[in-house]
Amino acid sequence: MEEAKWYVVHTYSGYENKVKTNIEKTVENRNLQDLIQEVRVPMEEAVEQTENEKKSVLRKMLPSYVIVKMVLNDESWYVVRNTRGVTGFVGPGSKPVALTEEEVVSIGVEQRAPVHVDYAVGDMVRVCSGPLEDFVGTVTSLDFEQQKATVTVSMLGRETPVEFDFNQIEPM
């Protein structure tokens, strides 16, 4: 069986939570948990200023859209497409297009798996790919969320901070 992917479903404005609930009920009633695995309405926390006070509120990140993790076939497509409040899938014509891993992470639907690196701030590393390949430098910062490291390398007689992906550098 193929792997489930995330798809974006367009809904009527304000129907996101109703669509989510309706899809989940249909999945449960028809026992389709293996085809349609998860339905989400991406939310973000925002601060709203009202007169003299600030309030923290949950706001829809993608108004009029619901994100569905499913194995795409005729049955799963039919169930989602014919749910009350759904206007269609996002994609050319009526063909749904799966989100890329980067898109899924950027909208906060899934977190990237934690990455383990064999170096820390202050360690000497060698650049193993990219235009600065074989340069040597010192790690000055690590950003695990973006999976990037800032390394100070010596270029043209100057110490220059350069940002690399974790997989572009290796410990010495």
C-alpha atoms as a PDB file:
ATOM      1  CA  MET A   1       0.000   0.000   0.000  1.00  0.00           C
ATOM      2  CA  GLU A   2       1.341   3.447  -0.835  1.00  0.00           C
ATOM      3  CA  GLU A   3       2.239   5.996   1.808  1.00  0.00           C
ATOM      4  CA  ALA A   4      -0.239   8.635   2.953  1.00  0.00           C
ATOM      5  CA  LYS A   5       0.539  12.219   1.931  1.00  0.00           C
ATOM      6  CA  TRP A   6      -0.839  15.612   2.937  1.00  0.00           C
ATOM      7  CA  TYR A   7      -3.334  17.285   0.595  1.00  0.00           C
ATOM      8  CA  VAL A   8      -5.019  20.687   0.792  1.00  0.00           C
ATOM      9  CA  VAL A   9      -8.824  20.821   0.545  1.00  0.00           C
ATOM     10  CA  HIS A  10     -10.661  24.063  -0.238  1.00  0.00           C
ATOM     11  CA  THR A  11     -13.825  24.719   1.791  1.00  0.00           C
ATOM     12  CA  TYR A  12     -16.530  27.343   2.052  1.00  0.00           C
ATOM     13  CA  SER A  13     -15.437  30.249   4.240  1.00  0.00           C
ATOM     14  CA  GLY A  14     -16.050  29.467   7.898  1.00  0.00           C
ATOM     15  CA  TYR A  15     -16.734  25.764   7.255  1.00  0.00           C
ATOM     16  CA  GLU A  16     -13.226  24.484   8.061  1.00  0.00           C
ATOM     17  CA  ASN A  17     -14.096  22.879  11.421  1.00  0.00           C
ATOM     18  CA  LYS A  18     -17.414  21.477  10.100  1.00  0.00           C
ATOM     19  CA  VAL A  19     -15.605  19.902   7.136  1.00  0.00           C
ATOM     20  CA  LYS A  20     -12.979  18.434   9.482  1.00  0.00           C
ATOM     21  CA  THR A  21     -15.678  16.932  11.709  1.00  0.00           C
ATOM     22  CA  ASN A  22     -17.697  15.606   8.750  1.00  0.00           C
ATOM     23  CA  ILE A  23     -14.664  13.923   7.143  1.00  0.00           C
ATOM     24  CA  GLU A  24     -13.688  12.351  10.485  1.00  0.00           C
ATOM     25  CA  LYS A  25     -17.252  11.007  10.991  1.00  0.00           C
ATOM     26  CA  THR A  26     -17.353   9.556   7.473  1.00  0.00           C
ATOM     27  CA  VAL A  27     -13.948   7.905   7.961  1.00  0.00           C
ATOM     28  CA  GLU A  28     -15.155   6.352  11.231  1.00  0.00           C
ATOM     29  CA  ASN A  29     -18.516   5.205   9.801  1.00  0.00           C
ATOM     30  CA  ARG A  30     -16.982   3.664   6.663  1.00  0.00           C
ATOM     31  CA  ASN A  31     -13.917   2.311   8.513  1.00  0.00           C
ATOM     32  CA  LEU A  32     -11.465   4.151   6.230  1.00  0.00           C
ATOM     33  CA  GLN A  33      -8.792   4.912   8.849  1.00  0.00           C
ATOM     34  CA  ASP A  34      -6.136   3.261   6.660  1.00  0.00           C
ATOM     35  CA  LEU A  35      -6.960   5.587   3.724  1.00  0.00           C
ATOM     36  CA  ILE A  36      -7.729   8.904   5.441  1.00  0.00           C
ATOM     37  CA  GLN A  37      -5.455   9.106   8.464  1.00  0.00           C
ATOM     38  CA  GLU A  38      -5.685  12.663   9.727  1.00  0.00           C
ATOM     39  CA  VAL A  39      -7.588  15.906   9.125  1.00  0.00           C
ATOM     40  CA  ARG A  40      -6.318  19.263  10.403  1.00  0.00           C
ATOM     41  CA  VAL A  41      -7.239  22.924  10.406  1.00  0.00           C
ATOM     42  CA  PRO A  42      -3.813  24.612  10.886  1.00  0.00           C
ATOM     43  CA  MET A  43      -3.976  27.179  13.703  1.00  0.00           C
ATOM     44  CA  GLU A  44      -1.493  29.762  14.970  1.00  0.00           C
ATOM     45  CA  GLU A  45      -1.387  31.771  18.146  1.00  0.00           C
ATOM     46  CA  ALA A  46      -1.685  35.510  17.594  1.00  0.00           C
ATOM     47  CA  VAL A  47      -1.868  38.544  19.870  1.00  0.00           C
ATOM     48  CA  GLU A  48      -4.761  40.929  19.243  1.00  0.00           C
ATOM     49  CA  GLN A  49      -4.843  44.471  20.615  1.00  0.00           C
ATOM     50  CA  THR A  50      -8.323  45.531  21.763  1.00  0.00           C
ATOM     51  CA  GLU A  51      -8.677  48.999  23.287  1.00  0.00           C
ATOM     52  CA  ASN A  52      -6.416  48.760  26.361  1.00  0.00           C
ATOM     53  CA  GLU A  53      -5.626  45.060  26.524  1.00  0.00           C
ATOM     54  CA  LYS A  54      -3.758  42.441  24.546  1.00  0.00           C
ATOM     55  CA  LYS A  55      -5.349  39.020  24.081  1.00  0.00           C
ATOM     56  CA  SER A  56      -3.785  35.822  22.852  1.00  0.00           C
ATOM     57  CA  VAL A  57      -6.085  34.121  20.329  1.00  0.00           C
ATOM     58  CA  LEU A  58      -5.947  31.078  18.062  1.00  0.00           C
ATOM     59  CA  ARG A  59      -6.351  32.045  14.424  1.00  0.00           C
ATOM     60  CA  LYS A  60      -6.662  29.872  11.307  1.00  0.00           C
ATOM     61  CA  MET A  61      -3.395  29.932   9.362  1.00  0.00           C
ATOM     62  CA  LEU A  62      -5.133  29.045   6.101  1.00  0.00           C
ATOM     63  CA  PRO A  63      -8.731  30.346   6.124  1.00  0.00           C
ATOM     64  CA  SER A  64     -11.007  28.273   3.856  1.00  0.00           C
ATOM     65  CA  TYR A  65      -8.559  25.350   3.752  1.00  0.00           C
ATOM     66  CA  VAL A  66      -8.282  22.005   5.539  1.00  0.00           C
ATOM     67  CA  ILE A  67      -5.218  19.746   5.399  1.00  0.00           C
ATOM     68  CA  VAL A  68      -5.872  15.999   4.970  1.00  0.00           C
ATOM     69  CA  LYS A  69      -3.324  13.169   5.310  1.00  0.00           C
ATOM     70  CA  MET A  70      -4.520  10.350   3.097  1.00  0.00           C
ATOM     71  CA  VAL A  71      -3.647   7.676   0.590  1.00  0.00           C
ATOM     72  CA  LEU A  72      -5.049   9.071  -2.643  1.00  0.00           C
ATOM     73  CA  ASN A  73      -7.290   6.674  -4.536  1.00  0.00           C
ATOM     74  CA  ASP A  74     -10.793   6.857  -6.031  1.00  0.00           C
ATOM     75  CA  GLU A  75     -12.532   6.024  -2.739  1.00  0.00           C
ATOM     76  CA  SER A  76     -10.625   8.510  -0.540  1.00  0.00           C
ATOM     77  CA  TRP A  77     -10.929  11.216  -3.218  1.00  0.00           C
ATOM     78  CA  TYR A  78     -14.692  10.624  -3.458  1.00  0.00           C
ATOM     79  CA  VAL A  79     -15.217  10.730   0.331  1.00  0.00           C
ATOM     80  CA  VAL A  80     -13.351  14.027   0.766  1.00  0.00           C
ATOM     81  CA  ARG A  81     -14.627  15.680  -2.424  1.00  0.00           C
ATOM     82  CA  ASN A  82     -18.258  14.905  -1.600  1.00  0.00           C
ATOM     83  CA  THR A  83     -18.136  16.086   2.010  1.00  0.00           C
ATOM     84  CA  ARG A  84     -20.575  18.929   2.683  1.00  0.00           C
ATOM     85  CA  GLY A  85     -18.716  22.275   2.588  1.00  0.00           C
ATOM     86  CA  VAL A  86     -15.826  21.072   0.392  1.00  0.00           C
ATOM     87  CA  THR A  87     -15.398  22.910  -2.916  1.00  0.00           C
ATOM     88  CA  GLY A  88     -12.449  20.830  -4.135  1.00  0.00           C
ATOM     89  CA  PHE A  89      -8.815  19.882  -3.797  1.00  0.00           C
ATOM     90  CA  VAL A  90      -5.963  22.286  -4.430  1.00  0.00           C
ATOM     91  CA  GLY A  91      -4.304  21.298  -7.692  1.00  0.00           C
ATOM     92  CA  PRO A  92      -4.738  21.664 -11.462  1.00  0.00           C
ATOM     93  CA  GLY A  93      -8.236  20.717 -12.591  1.00  0.00           C
ATOM     94  CA  SER A  94      -9.630  18.168 -10.165  1.00  0.00           C
ATOM     95  CA  LYS A  95      -6.302  16.389  -9.630  1.00  0.00           C
ATOM     96  CA  PRO A  96      -5.021  16.857  -6.049  1.00  0.00           C
ATOM     97  CA  VAL A  97      -1.335  17.677  -5.599  1.00  0.00           C
ATOM     98  CA  ALA A  98       0.418  16.458  -2.443  1.00  0.00           C
ATOM     99  CA  LEU A  99       2.317  18.945  -0.280  1.00  0.00           C
ATOM    100  CA  THR A 100       6.103  18.662  -0.242  1.00  0.00           C
ATOM    101  CA  GLU A 101       7.870  17.888   3.037  1.00  0.00           C
ATOM    102  CA  GLU A 102       9.100  21.508   3.226  1.00  0.00           C
ATOM    103  CA  GLU A 103       5.552  22.852   2.800  1.00  0.00           C
ATOM    104  CA  VAL A 104       4.226  20.496   5.486  1.00  0.00           C
ATOM    105  CA  VAL A 105       6.907  21.661   7.931  1.00  0.00           C
ATOM    106  CA  SER A 106       6.515  25.357   7.032  1.00  0.00           C
ATOM    107  CA  ILE A 107       2.790  25.417   7.838  1.00  0.00           C
ATOM    108  CA  GLY A 108       3.429  23.539  11.062  1.00  0.00           C
ATOM    109  CA  VAL A 109       1.419  20.418  10.271  1.00  0.00           C
ATOM    110  CA  GLU A 110       4.356  18.140  11.118  1.00  0.00           C
ATOM    111  CA  GLN A 111       7.662  18.780  12.812  1.00  0.00           C
ATOM    112  CA  ARG A 112      10.891  17.639  11.271  1.00  0.00           C
ATOM    113  CA  ALA A 113      12.520  14.694  12.951  1.00  0.00           C
ATOM    114  CA  PRO A 114      15.179  15.920  15.381  1.00  0.00           C
ATOM    115  CA  VAL A 115      18.626  15.881  13.836  1.00  0.00           C
ATOM    116  CA  HIS A 116      21.705  14.729  15.704  1.00  0.00           C
ATOM    117  CA  VAL A 117      24.971  16.440  14.791  1.00  0.00           C
ATOM    118  CA  ASP A 118      28.474  15.368  15.811  1.00  0.00           C
ATOM    119  CA  TYR A 119      29.715  18.904  16.464  1.00  0.00           C
ATOM    120  CA  ALA A 120      28.930  21.753  18.825  1.00  0.00           C
ATOM    121  CA  VAL A 121      29.528  25.508  19.057  1.00  0.00           C
ATOM    122  CA  GLY A 122      33.298  26.082  19.168  1.00  0.00           C
ATOM    123  CA  ASP A 123      34.200  22.876  17.282  1.00  0.00           C
ATOM    124  CA  MET A 124      36.311  22.862  14.131  1.00  0.00           C
ATOM    125  CA  VAL A 125      34.467  21.564  11.044  1.00  0.00           C
ATOM    126  CA  ARG A 126      35.210  20.977   7.371  1.00  0.00           C
ATOM    127  CA  VAL A 127      32.807  21.992   4.600  1.00  0.00           C
ATOM    128  CA  CYS A 128      32.049  18.809   2.614  1.00  0.00           C
ATOM    129  CA  SER A 129      29.799  20.228  -0.150  1.00  0.00           C
ATOM    130  CA  GLY A 130      28.902  23.462  -1.875  1.00  0.00           C
ATOM    131  CA  PRO A 131      31.023  26.317  -3.252  1.00  0.00           C
ATOM    132  CA  LEU A 132      33.209  26.463  -0.116  1.00  0.00           C
ATOM    133  CA  GLU A 133      34.008  22.739  -0.169  1.00  0.00           C
ATOM    134  CA  ASP A 134      37.164  21.794   1.807  1.00  0.00           C
ATOM    135  CA  PHE A 135      37.167  25.090   3.756  1.00  0.00           C
ATOM    136  CA  VAL A 136      37.749  24.687   7.492  1.00  0.00           C
ATOM    137  CA  GLY A 137      36.080  26.821  10.138  1.00  0.00           C
ATOM    138  CA  THR A 138      34.698  27.113  13.655  1.00  0.00           C
ATOM    139  CA  VAL A 139      31.017  26.596  14.489  1.00  0.00           C
ATOM    140  CA  THR A 140      29.633  29.808  16.034  1.00  0.00           C
ATOM    141  CA  SER A 141      25.923  28.877  16.245  1.00  0.00           C
ATOM    142  CA  LEU A 142      23.507  26.014  15.601  1.00  0.00           C
ATOM    143  CA  ASP A 143      19.855  26.429  14.583  1.00  0.00           C
ATOM    144  CA  PHE A 144      18.132  23.064  15.012  1.00  0.00           C
ATOM    145  CA  GLU A 145      14.755  24.383  13.848  1.00  0.00           C
ATOM    146  CA  GLN A 146      16.130  25.481  10.458  1.00  0.00           C
ATOM    147  CA  GLN A 147      18.820  22.744  10.504  1.00  0.00           C
ATOM    148  CA  LYS A 148      21.558  25.282   9.809  1.00  0.00           C
ATOM    149  CA  ALA A 149      24.942  26.036  11.352  1.00  0.00           C
ATOM    150  CA  THR A 150      26.882  29.295  11.230  1.00  0.00           C
ATOM    151  CA  VAL A 151      30.579  28.657  10.682  1.00  0.00           C
ATOM    152  CA  THR A 152      33.340  31.254  10.711  1.00  0.00           C
ATOM    153  CA  VAL A 153      35.747  30.529   7.833  1.00  0.00           C
ATOM    154  CA  SER A 154      38.853  32.386   6.715  1.00  0.00           C
ATOM    155  CA  MET A 155      38.281  33.915   3.266  1.00  0.00           C
ATOM    156  CA  LEU A 156      40.652  36.358   1.596  1.00  0.00           C
ATOM    157  CA  GLY A 157      42.472  36.837   4.895  1.00  0.00           C
ATOM    158  CA  ARG A 158      39.298  37.681   6.837  1.00  0.00           C
ATOM    159  CA  GLU A 159      37.158  35.702   9.271  1.00  0.00           C
ATOM    160  CA  THR A 160      33.707  35.484   7.650  1.00  0.00           C
ATOM    161  CA  PRO A 161      30.549  33.910   9.133  1.00  0.00           C
ATOM    162  CA  VAL A 162      28.812  31.610   6.626  1.00  0.00           C
ATOM    163  CA  GLU A 163      25.551  29.683   7.098  1.00  0.00           C
ATOM    164  CA  PHE A 164      25.503  26.001   6.084  1.00  0.00           C
ATOM    165  CA  ASP A 165      22.933  23.212   6.178  1.00  0.00           C
ATOM    166  CA  PHE A 166      23.837  20.549   8.746  1.00  0.00           C
ATOM    167  CA  ASN A 167      24.590  18.051   5.957  1.00  0.00           C
ATOM    168  CA  GLN A 168      27.136  20.399   4.315  1.00  0.00           C
ATOM    169  CA  ILE A 169      29.645  20.251   7.166  1.00  0.00           C
ATOM    170  CA  GLU A 170      31.384  17.485   9.111  1.00  0.00           C
ATOM    171  CA  PRO A 171      33.479  17.429  12.281  1.00  0.00           C
ATOM    172  CA  MET A 172      37.243  17.291  11.964  1.00  0.00           C
END
